[in-house]
């Protein structure tokens, strides 16, 4: 069996950027847990996980299924840009997320995949004015759905929406 082809809810293949976002979250997770170097993780993902060679490994569980998605169609430059920007701006990103979490919760207490998803989403809000706010939020809600089936996608929605209203308020003016 080969790796699962990324698909949208209607069964069509995901865009190159969506696959890149999914890969970026996986890479951030790997870097967070294993302490992998940025350049090493970029090289690993591009040469192995984003190559045209589908994985022959089967996922151990449904939760592990997202790590075996075929990422060969991912936008490699977009993937690298998101990773580099998250690391470059992490000291700015983490406090923005912390401020939106429930009282008593800190980003370090959040699940590692959820933390990676939020960091990548906030990074895009800060770094990519060419991508509309609604697209960023919807994309990362969908990324969260690859890993979670409960409340986490709603957390991503709430946190990214609140941060977007602060950092890109102009996109919300006149839309009420």
N, C-alpha and C. Protein backbone atom coordinates (compact mmCIF):
# COMPACT_ATOMS: atom_id res chain seq x y z
N UNK A 1 0.84 -1.18 0.00
CA UNK A 1 0.00 0.00 0.00
C UNK A 1 0.89 1.24 0.00
N UNK A 2 0.50 2.26 -0.72
CA UNK A 2 1.27 3.49 -0.77
C UNK A 2 0.69 4.50 0.21
N UNK A 3 1.40 5.62 0.37
CA UNK A 3 0.94 6.67 1.26
C UNK A 3 -0.39 7.23 0.82
N UNK A 4 -1.13 7.74 1.77
CA UNK A 4 -2.45 8.32 1.49
C UNK A 4 -2.27 9.63 0.74
N UNK A 5 -2.96 9.79 -0.37
CA UNK A 5 -2.92 11.03 -1.14
C UNK A 5 -3.71 12.08 -0.39
N UNK A 6 -3.16 13.28 -0.16
CA UNK A 6 -3.93 14.29 0.55
C UNK A 6 -5.21 14.60 -0.22
N UNK A 7 -6.32 14.60 0.47
CA UNK A 7 -7.59 14.90 -0.17
C UNK A 7 -8.38 15.89 0.67
N UNK A 8 -9.22 16.63 0.00
CA UNK A 8 -10.14 17.52 0.69
C UNK A 8 -11.34 16.72 1.13
N UNK A 9 -12.27 17.37 1.83
CA UNK A 9 -13.45 16.69 2.29
C UNK A 9 -14.27 16.11 1.15
N UNK A 10 -14.22 16.72 -0.04
CA UNK A 10 -15.00 16.20 -1.16
C UNK A 10 -14.23 15.16 -1.98
N UNK A 11 -13.04 14.76 -1.50
CA UNK A 11 -12.30 13.69 -2.15
C UNK A 11 -11.31 14.14 -3.21
N UNK A 12 -11.26 15.43 -3.53
CA UNK A 12 -10.32 15.89 -4.53
C UNK A 12 -8.94 16.09 -3.90
N UNK A 13 -7.90 16.04 -4.70
CA UNK A 13 -6.54 16.21 -4.20
C UNK A 13 -6.36 17.60 -3.60
N UNK A 14 -5.58 17.67 -2.54
CA UNK A 14 -5.31 18.95 -1.91
C UNK A 14 -4.36 19.77 -2.77
N UNK A 15 -4.39 21.06 -2.58
CA UNK A 15 -3.49 21.93 -3.31
C UNK A 15 -2.05 21.75 -2.83
N UNK A 16 -1.12 22.23 -3.61
CA UNK A 16 0.30 22.15 -3.26
C UNK A 16 0.58 22.90 -1.95
N UNK A 17 -0.10 24.01 -1.75
CA UNK A 17 0.11 24.77 -0.51
C UNK A 17 -0.49 24.08 0.69
N UNK A 18 -1.64 23.44 0.52
CA UNK A 18 -2.24 22.71 1.64
C UNK A 18 -1.31 21.57 2.06
N UNK A 19 -0.78 20.83 1.10
CA UNK A 19 0.16 19.75 1.41
C UNK A 19 1.41 20.33 2.08
N UNK A 20 1.86 21.50 1.65
CA UNK A 20 3.02 22.15 2.25
C UNK A 20 2.73 22.55 3.70
N UNK A 21 1.52 23.03 3.96
CA UNK A 21 1.14 23.39 5.33
C UNK A 21 1.13 22.15 6.23
N UNK A 22 0.57 21.07 5.73
CA UNK A 22 0.54 19.82 6.49
C UNK A 22 1.96 19.35 6.79
N UNK A 23 2.83 19.42 5.79
CA UNK A 23 4.23 19.04 5.99
C UNK A 23 4.92 19.96 6.98
N UNK A 24 4.63 21.26 6.91
CA UNK A 24 5.25 22.22 7.83
C UNK A 24 4.88 21.91 9.27
N UNK A 25 3.61 21.58 9.50
CA UNK A 25 3.18 21.24 10.86
C UNK A 25 3.90 19.97 11.33
N UNK A 26 4.01 18.98 10.46
CA UNK A 26 4.73 17.76 10.83
C UNK A 26 6.20 18.05 11.13
N UNK A 27 6.82 18.89 10.32
CA UNK A 27 8.23 19.23 10.53
C UNK A 27 8.43 20.01 11.83
N UNK A 28 7.54 20.96 12.11
CA UNK A 28 7.63 21.71 13.37
C UNK A 28 7.47 20.79 14.57
N UNK A 29 6.56 19.84 14.46
CA UNK A 29 6.36 18.84 15.50
C UNK A 29 7.65 18.04 15.71
N UNK A 30 8.24 17.57 14.62
CA UNK A 30 9.48 16.80 14.70
C UNK A 30 10.60 17.63 15.33
N UNK A 31 10.70 18.88 14.92
CA UNK A 31 11.73 19.75 15.47
C UNK A 31 11.51 19.99 16.96
N UNK A 32 10.26 20.14 17.36
CA UNK A 32 9.91 20.38 18.76
C UNK A 32 10.25 19.17 19.62
N UNK A 33 9.88 17.98 19.18
CA UNK A 33 10.08 16.78 19.99
C UNK A 33 11.50 16.25 19.94
N UNK A 34 12.08 16.22 18.74
CA UNK A 34 13.40 15.59 18.57
C UNK A 34 14.54 16.60 18.58
N UNK A 35 14.21 17.88 18.54
CA UNK A 35 15.25 18.89 18.49
C UNK A 35 16.02 18.88 17.18
N UNK A 36 15.37 18.45 16.11
CA UNK A 36 16.01 18.37 14.80
C UNK A 36 16.32 19.77 14.28
N UNK A 37 17.48 19.93 13.67
CA UNK A 37 17.92 21.19 13.09
C UNK A 37 17.02 21.59 11.92
N UNK A 38 16.78 22.88 11.76
CA UNK A 38 15.93 23.39 10.70
C UNK A 38 16.36 22.90 9.32
N UNK A 39 17.61 23.09 8.97
CA UNK A 39 18.09 22.69 7.65
C UNK A 39 18.00 21.18 7.44
N UNK A 40 18.26 20.41 8.50
CA UNK A 40 18.17 18.95 8.41
C UNK A 40 16.73 18.51 8.15
N UNK A 41 15.78 19.12 8.85
CA UNK A 41 14.38 18.72 8.68
C UNK A 41 13.86 19.13 7.31
N UNK A 42 14.28 20.29 6.82
CA UNK A 42 13.88 20.71 5.48
C UNK A 42 14.42 19.72 4.45
N UNK A 43 15.68 19.38 4.57
CA UNK A 43 16.30 18.42 3.64
C UNK A 43 15.60 17.07 3.71
N UNK A 44 15.32 16.58 4.91
CA UNK A 44 14.64 15.29 5.06
C UNK A 44 13.26 15.31 4.40
N UNK A 45 12.49 16.33 4.65
CA UNK A 45 11.14 16.38 4.09
C UNK A 45 11.19 16.50 2.57
N UNK A 46 12.05 17.36 2.05
CA UNK A 46 12.10 17.55 0.60
C UNK A 46 12.64 16.31 -0.10
N UNK A 47 13.70 15.73 0.43
CA UNK A 47 14.32 14.59 -0.26
C UNK A 47 13.58 13.27 -0.04
N UNK A 48 12.90 13.13 1.09
CA UNK A 48 12.25 11.85 1.38
C UNK A 48 10.73 11.94 1.36
N UNK A 49 10.16 12.77 2.17
CA UNK A 49 8.70 12.80 2.31
C UNK A 49 7.99 13.52 1.17
N UNK A 50 8.70 14.44 0.50
CA UNK A 50 8.09 15.17 -0.62
C UNK A 50 8.57 14.66 -1.96
N UNK A 51 9.34 13.59 -1.95
CA UNK A 51 9.80 13.02 -3.21
C UNK A 51 8.63 12.32 -3.88
N UNK A 52 8.79 11.93 -5.10
CA UNK A 52 7.73 11.24 -5.82
C UNK A 52 7.65 9.76 -5.46
N UNK A 53 8.49 9.34 -4.54
CA UNK A 53 8.48 7.95 -4.10
C UNK A 53 7.48 7.81 -2.95
N UNK A 54 6.33 7.16 -3.17
CA UNK A 54 5.36 7.01 -2.08
C UNK A 54 5.89 6.08 -0.99
N UNK A 55 5.48 6.37 0.22
CA UNK A 55 5.89 5.57 1.37
C UNK A 55 5.23 4.20 1.32
N UNK A 56 6.00 3.16 1.64
CA UNK A 56 5.44 1.82 1.69
C UNK A 56 5.00 1.47 3.11
N UNK A 57 5.31 2.37 4.08
CA UNK A 57 4.96 2.10 5.46
C UNK A 57 3.48 2.31 5.68
N UNK A 58 2.92 1.48 6.54
CA UNK A 58 1.52 1.63 6.91
C UNK A 58 1.44 2.36 8.24
N UNK A 59 0.46 3.20 8.42
CA UNK A 59 0.32 3.88 9.70
C UNK A 59 -0.02 2.87 10.80
N UNK A 60 0.50 3.15 12.00
CA UNK A 60 0.23 2.28 13.14
C UNK A 60 -1.18 2.48 13.67
N UNK A 61 -1.74 3.66 13.46
CA UNK A 61 -3.07 3.98 13.98
C UNK A 61 -3.65 5.09 13.14
N UNK A 62 -4.92 5.41 13.41
CA UNK A 62 -5.55 6.53 12.71
C UNK A 62 -4.81 7.82 12.98
N UNK A 63 -4.33 8.02 14.24
CA UNK A 63 -3.62 9.24 14.59
C UNK A 63 -2.34 9.38 13.78
N UNK A 64 -1.72 8.25 13.46
CA UNK A 64 -0.46 8.27 12.72
C UNK A 64 -0.69 8.42 11.21
N UNK A 65 -1.93 8.33 10.76
CA UNK A 65 -2.23 8.37 9.33
C UNK A 65 -1.74 9.66 8.67
N UNK A 66 -1.83 10.79 9.36
CA UNK A 66 -1.41 12.06 8.77
C UNK A 66 0.09 12.07 8.48
N UNK A 67 0.86 11.32 9.23
CA UNK A 67 2.30 11.31 8.98
C UNK A 67 2.66 10.46 7.76
N UNK A 68 1.68 9.74 7.20
CA UNK A 68 1.93 8.91 6.03
C UNK A 68 1.19 9.40 4.79
N UNK A 69 0.78 10.64 4.82
CA UNK A 69 0.12 11.24 3.67
C UNK A 69 1.17 11.47 2.59
N UNK A 70 0.81 11.22 1.34
CA UNK A 70 1.70 11.46 0.22
C UNK A 70 1.85 12.97 0.05
N UNK A 71 3.03 13.48 0.32
CA UNK A 71 3.30 14.91 0.24
C UNK A 71 4.07 15.30 -1.02
N UNK A 72 4.12 14.41 -2.00
CA UNK A 72 4.94 14.66 -3.19
C UNK A 72 4.49 15.88 -3.98
N UNK A 73 3.24 16.29 -3.85
CA UNK A 73 2.76 17.46 -4.58
C UNK A 73 2.90 18.76 -3.81
N UNK A 74 3.52 18.71 -2.65
CA UNK A 74 3.63 19.90 -1.80
C UNK A 74 4.52 20.97 -2.44
N UNK A 75 4.17 22.21 -2.21
CA UNK A 75 4.97 23.36 -2.65
C UNK A 75 6.18 23.45 -1.71
N UNK A 76 7.31 22.99 -2.20
CA UNK A 76 8.52 22.90 -1.37
C UNK A 76 9.02 24.26 -0.89
N UNK A 77 8.93 25.27 -1.74
CA UNK A 77 9.37 26.60 -1.35
C UNK A 77 8.47 27.18 -0.27
N UNK A 78 7.16 27.01 -0.42
CA UNK A 78 6.21 27.50 0.58
C UNK A 78 6.46 26.80 1.92
N UNK A 79 6.67 25.48 1.88
CA UNK A 79 7.00 24.69 3.06
C UNK A 79 8.23 25.26 3.77
N UNK A 80 9.31 25.45 3.02
CA UNK A 80 10.55 25.98 3.60
C UNK A 80 10.35 27.39 4.15
N UNK A 81 9.61 28.21 3.41
CA UNK A 81 9.37 29.58 3.86
C UNK A 81 8.62 29.62 5.19
N UNK A 82 7.61 28.77 5.33
CA UNK A 82 6.84 28.74 6.58
C UNK A 82 7.73 28.30 7.73
N UNK A 83 8.51 27.24 7.54
CA UNK A 83 9.40 26.76 8.62
C UNK A 83 10.40 27.83 9.04
N UNK A 84 11.05 28.43 8.06
CA UNK A 84 12.06 29.44 8.38
C UNK A 84 11.44 30.64 9.09
N UNK A 85 10.25 31.04 8.65
CA UNK A 85 9.58 32.19 9.26
C UNK A 85 9.13 31.88 10.69
N UNK A 86 8.64 30.67 10.93
CA UNK A 86 8.24 30.30 12.30
C UNK A 86 9.44 30.40 13.23
N UNK A 87 10.57 29.86 12.82
CA UNK A 87 11.74 29.91 13.68
C UNK A 87 12.26 31.34 13.86
N UNK A 88 12.24 32.10 12.79
CA UNK A 88 12.72 33.49 12.85
C UNK A 88 11.85 34.35 13.76
N UNK A 89 10.54 34.08 13.78
CA UNK A 89 9.60 34.95 14.51
C UNK A 89 8.97 34.27 15.73
N UNK A 90 9.53 33.17 16.18
CA UNK A 90 8.92 32.41 17.27
C UNK A 90 8.77 33.23 18.55
N UNK A 91 9.72 34.11 18.83
CA UNK A 91 9.63 34.94 20.04
C UNK A 91 8.47 35.93 19.98
N UNK A 92 8.01 36.23 18.79
CA UNK A 92 6.83 37.08 18.59
C UNK A 92 5.55 36.24 18.52
N UNK A 93 5.63 35.08 17.90
CA UNK A 93 4.46 34.22 17.68
C UNK A 93 3.95 33.61 18.98
N UNK A 94 4.85 33.06 19.79
CA UNK A 94 4.42 32.35 21.00
C UNK A 94 3.64 33.25 21.97
N UNK A 95 4.08 34.48 22.25
CA UNK A 95 3.28 35.33 23.14
C UNK A 95 1.90 35.68 22.56
N UNK A 96 1.82 35.83 21.25
CA UNK A 96 0.52 36.09 20.63
C UNK A 96 -0.44 34.93 20.90
N UNK A 97 0.07 33.72 20.78
CA UNK A 97 -0.77 32.53 21.03
C UNK A 97 -1.09 32.43 22.52
N UNK A 98 -0.09 32.60 23.37
CA UNK A 98 -0.30 32.53 24.82
C UNK A 98 -1.43 33.46 25.26
N UNK A 99 -1.45 34.67 24.71
CA UNK A 99 -2.47 35.66 25.09
C UNK A 99 -3.88 35.22 24.74
N UNK A 100 -4.03 34.29 23.80
CA UNK A 100 -5.36 33.86 23.36
C UNK A 100 -5.83 32.56 24.02
N UNK A 101 -4.94 31.91 24.73
CA UNK A 101 -5.31 30.65 25.37
C UNK A 101 -6.11 30.92 26.65
N UNK A 102 -6.85 29.92 27.09
CA UNK A 102 -7.66 30.05 28.30
C UNK A 102 -6.77 30.41 29.49
N UNK A 103 -7.34 31.12 30.42
CA UNK A 103 -6.62 31.52 31.63
C UNK A 103 -5.98 30.30 32.28
N UNK A 104 -4.72 30.44 32.60
CA UNK A 104 -3.99 29.36 33.24
C UNK A 104 -3.30 28.42 32.26
N UNK A 105 -3.62 28.53 30.99
CA UNK A 105 -2.98 27.68 29.99
C UNK A 105 -1.86 28.46 29.32
N UNK A 106 -0.75 27.78 29.12
CA UNK A 106 0.38 28.35 28.41
C UNK A 106 0.64 27.48 27.20
N UNK A 107 1.27 28.04 26.21
CA UNK A 107 1.54 27.31 24.97
C UNK A 107 2.33 26.03 25.23
N UNK A 108 3.23 26.05 26.21
CA UNK A 108 4.04 24.87 26.49
C UNK A 108 3.20 23.70 27.01
N UNK A 109 1.99 23.96 27.50
CA UNK A 109 1.10 22.91 28.00
C UNK A 109 0.22 22.32 26.90
N UNK A 110 0.21 22.94 25.73
CA UNK A 110 -0.64 22.52 24.62
C UNK A 110 0.02 21.33 23.91
N UNK A 111 -0.81 20.42 23.39
CA UNK A 111 -0.32 19.28 22.62
C UNK A 111 0.67 19.76 21.55
N UNK A 112 1.73 19.01 21.32
CA UNK A 112 2.80 19.41 20.40
C UNK A 112 2.31 19.64 18.97
N UNK A 113 1.40 18.80 18.49
CA UNK A 113 0.88 18.99 17.12
C UNK A 113 0.02 20.25 17.07
N UNK A 114 -0.80 20.46 18.09
CA UNK A 114 -1.63 21.66 18.13
C UNK A 114 -0.74 22.90 18.21
N UNK A 115 0.30 22.84 19.00
CA UNK A 115 1.25 23.96 19.12
C UNK A 115 1.89 24.25 17.76
N UNK A 116 2.30 23.22 17.04
CA UNK A 116 2.90 23.40 15.71
C UNK A 116 1.90 24.01 14.73
N UNK A 117 0.65 23.55 14.80
CA UNK A 117 -0.39 24.07 13.92
C UNK A 117 -0.63 25.56 14.18
N UNK A 118 -0.73 25.92 15.44
CA UNK A 118 -0.96 27.33 15.80
C UNK A 118 0.23 28.20 15.39
N UNK A 119 1.43 27.73 15.63
CA UNK A 119 2.61 28.51 15.25
C UNK A 119 2.66 28.76 13.74
N UNK A 120 2.41 27.71 12.97
CA UNK A 120 2.44 27.87 11.51
C UNK A 120 1.33 28.82 11.05
N UNK A 121 0.15 28.70 11.62
CA UNK A 121 -0.96 29.57 11.25
C UNK A 121 -0.70 31.03 11.58
N UNK A 122 -0.20 31.28 12.78
CA UNK A 122 0.12 32.66 13.17
C UNK A 122 1.24 33.21 12.31
N UNK A 123 2.21 32.38 12.02
CA UNK A 123 3.30 32.80 11.15
C UNK A 123 2.77 33.28 9.80
N UNK A 124 1.86 32.51 9.23
CA UNK A 124 1.30 32.91 7.94
C UNK A 124 0.52 34.21 8.04
N UNK A 125 -0.19 34.40 9.14
CA UNK A 125 -0.92 35.65 9.33
C UNK A 125 0.04 36.84 9.36
N UNK A 126 1.20 36.64 9.97
CA UNK A 126 2.19 37.72 10.09
C UNK A 126 3.01 37.92 8.81
N UNK A 127 3.34 36.83 8.14
CA UNK A 127 4.32 36.86 7.05
C UNK A 127 3.73 36.89 5.65
N UNK A 128 2.48 36.46 5.50
CA UNK A 128 1.94 36.28 4.16
C UNK A 128 0.68 37.12 3.91
N UNK A 129 0.85 38.43 3.75
CA UNK A 129 -0.32 39.27 3.48
C UNK A 129 -0.98 38.94 2.13
N UNK A 130 -0.27 38.20 1.28
CA UNK A 130 -0.83 37.78 -0.01
C UNK A 130 -1.87 36.67 0.15
N UNK A 131 -1.92 36.03 1.31
CA UNK A 131 -2.90 34.97 1.57
C UNK A 131 -3.98 35.57 2.48
N UNK A 132 -5.23 35.60 2.01
CA UNK A 132 -6.30 36.19 2.83
C UNK A 132 -6.45 35.50 4.19
N UNK A 133 -6.83 36.28 5.19
CA UNK A 133 -7.00 35.77 6.55
C UNK A 133 -7.90 34.54 6.57
N UNK A 134 -9.03 34.62 5.90
CA UNK A 134 -9.99 33.50 5.92
C UNK A 134 -9.38 32.22 5.35
N UNK A 135 -8.53 32.37 4.35
CA UNK A 135 -7.85 31.21 3.76
C UNK A 135 -6.89 30.60 4.79
N UNK A 136 -6.10 31.45 5.43
CA UNK A 136 -5.15 30.95 6.43
C UNK A 136 -5.89 30.19 7.53
N UNK A 137 -6.93 30.79 8.07
CA UNK A 137 -7.68 30.16 9.17
C UNK A 137 -8.28 28.84 8.71
N UNK A 138 -8.96 28.83 7.57
CA UNK A 138 -9.58 27.59 7.08
C UNK A 138 -8.55 26.51 6.79
N UNK A 139 -7.43 26.89 6.21
CA UNK A 139 -6.39 25.90 5.92
C UNK A 139 -5.88 25.22 7.19
N UNK A 140 -5.63 26.00 8.24
CA UNK A 140 -5.09 25.40 9.46
C UNK A 140 -6.15 24.67 10.27
N UNK A 141 -7.41 25.04 10.14
CA UNK A 141 -8.48 24.23 10.73
C UNK A 141 -8.46 22.85 10.05
N UNK A 142 -8.34 22.83 8.73
CA UNK A 142 -8.30 21.57 7.99
C UNK A 142 -7.05 20.75 8.32
N UNK A 143 -5.92 21.42 8.49
CA UNK A 143 -4.71 20.70 8.91
C UNK A 143 -4.95 20.06 10.28
N UNK A 144 -5.56 20.80 11.19
CA UNK A 144 -5.83 20.25 12.53
C UNK A 144 -6.72 19.01 12.44
N UNK A 145 -7.63 18.99 11.48
CA UNK A 145 -8.53 17.84 11.32
C UNK A 145 -7.78 16.57 10.88
N UNK A 146 -6.60 16.72 10.30
CA UNK A 146 -5.80 15.54 9.95
C UNK A 146 -5.32 14.82 11.21
N UNK A 147 -5.15 15.59 12.29
CA UNK A 147 -4.57 15.05 13.51
C UNK A 147 -5.58 14.85 14.63
N UNK A 148 -6.66 15.62 14.62
CA UNK A 148 -7.60 15.63 15.74
C UNK A 148 -9.03 15.50 15.24
N UNK A 149 -9.87 14.87 16.05
CA UNK A 149 -11.28 14.76 15.69
C UNK A 149 -12.19 15.40 16.73
N UNK A 150 -11.61 16.03 17.73
CA UNK A 150 -12.44 16.60 18.79
C UNK A 150 -12.40 18.12 18.75
N UNK A 151 -12.01 18.75 19.85
CA UNK A 151 -12.10 20.21 19.99
C UNK A 151 -10.95 21.00 19.37
N UNK A 152 -9.85 20.35 19.06
CA UNK A 152 -8.67 21.07 18.61
C UNK A 152 -8.89 21.93 17.37
N UNK A 153 -9.61 21.45 16.33
CA UNK A 153 -9.85 22.34 15.19
C UNK A 153 -10.60 23.62 15.59
N UNK A 154 -11.50 23.52 16.57
CA UNK A 154 -12.19 24.72 17.06
C UNK A 154 -11.23 25.64 17.80
N UNK A 155 -10.28 25.07 18.52
CA UNK A 155 -9.27 25.88 19.21
C UNK A 155 -8.45 26.64 18.17
N UNK A 156 -8.04 25.95 17.11
CA UNK A 156 -7.28 26.60 16.04
C UNK A 156 -8.09 27.76 15.46
N UNK A 157 -9.36 27.52 15.19
CA UNK A 157 -10.23 28.56 14.65
C UNK A 157 -10.28 29.76 15.59
N UNK A 158 -10.57 29.53 16.85
CA UNK A 158 -10.70 30.62 17.81
C UNK A 158 -9.42 31.42 18.00
N UNK A 159 -8.31 30.72 18.17
CA UNK A 159 -7.03 31.40 18.41
C UNK A 159 -6.60 32.19 17.17
N UNK A 160 -6.64 31.55 15.99
CA UNK A 160 -6.21 32.25 14.78
C UNK A 160 -7.13 33.43 14.45
N UNK A 161 -8.43 33.27 14.67
CA UNK A 161 -9.36 34.37 14.41
C UNK A 161 -9.05 35.57 15.30
N UNK A 162 -8.84 35.34 16.58
CA UNK A 162 -8.54 36.44 17.50
C UNK A 162 -7.23 37.13 17.14
N UNK A 163 -6.22 36.35 16.81
CA UNK A 163 -4.93 36.94 16.43
C UNK A 163 -5.05 37.69 15.11
N UNK A 164 -5.77 37.12 14.16
CA UNK A 164 -5.94 37.78 12.86
C UNK A 164 -6.61 39.15 13.03
N UNK A 165 -7.57 39.24 13.93
CA UNK A 165 -8.27 40.51 14.16
C UNK A 165 -7.34 41.57 14.74
N UNK A 166 -6.25 41.12 15.37
CA UNK A 166 -5.25 42.06 15.90
C UNK A 166 -4.21 42.42 14.85
N UNK A 167 -3.66 41.41 14.19
CA UNK A 167 -2.52 41.65 13.30
C UNK A 167 -2.91 42.02 11.88
N UNK A 168 -4.16 41.73 11.50
CA UNK A 168 -4.62 42.07 10.14
C UNK A 168 -6.04 42.63 10.20
N UNK A 169 -6.23 43.55 11.12
CA UNK A 169 -7.55 44.12 11.38
C UNK A 169 -8.20 44.72 10.14
N UNK A 170 -7.39 45.27 9.23
CA UNK A 170 -7.93 45.92 8.04
C UNK A 170 -8.78 44.97 7.20
N UNK A 171 -8.47 43.68 7.23
CA UNK A 171 -9.24 42.71 6.44
C UNK A 171 -10.63 42.46 7.02
N UNK A 172 -10.83 42.87 8.27
CA UNK A 172 -12.13 42.66 8.92
C UNK A 172 -13.01 43.90 8.89
N UNK A 173 -12.41 45.07 8.61
CA UNK A 173 -13.17 46.32 8.60
C UNK A 173 -14.22 46.31 7.50
N UNK A 174 -15.41 46.74 7.84
CA UNK A 174 -16.48 46.83 6.86
C UNK A 174 -17.12 45.52 6.49
N UNK A 175 -16.78 44.42 7.19
CA UNK A 175 -17.33 43.11 6.85
C UNK A 175 -18.31 42.64 7.91
N UNK A 176 -18.77 43.53 8.76
CA UNK A 176 -19.71 43.12 9.82
C UNK A 176 -21.11 43.34 9.41
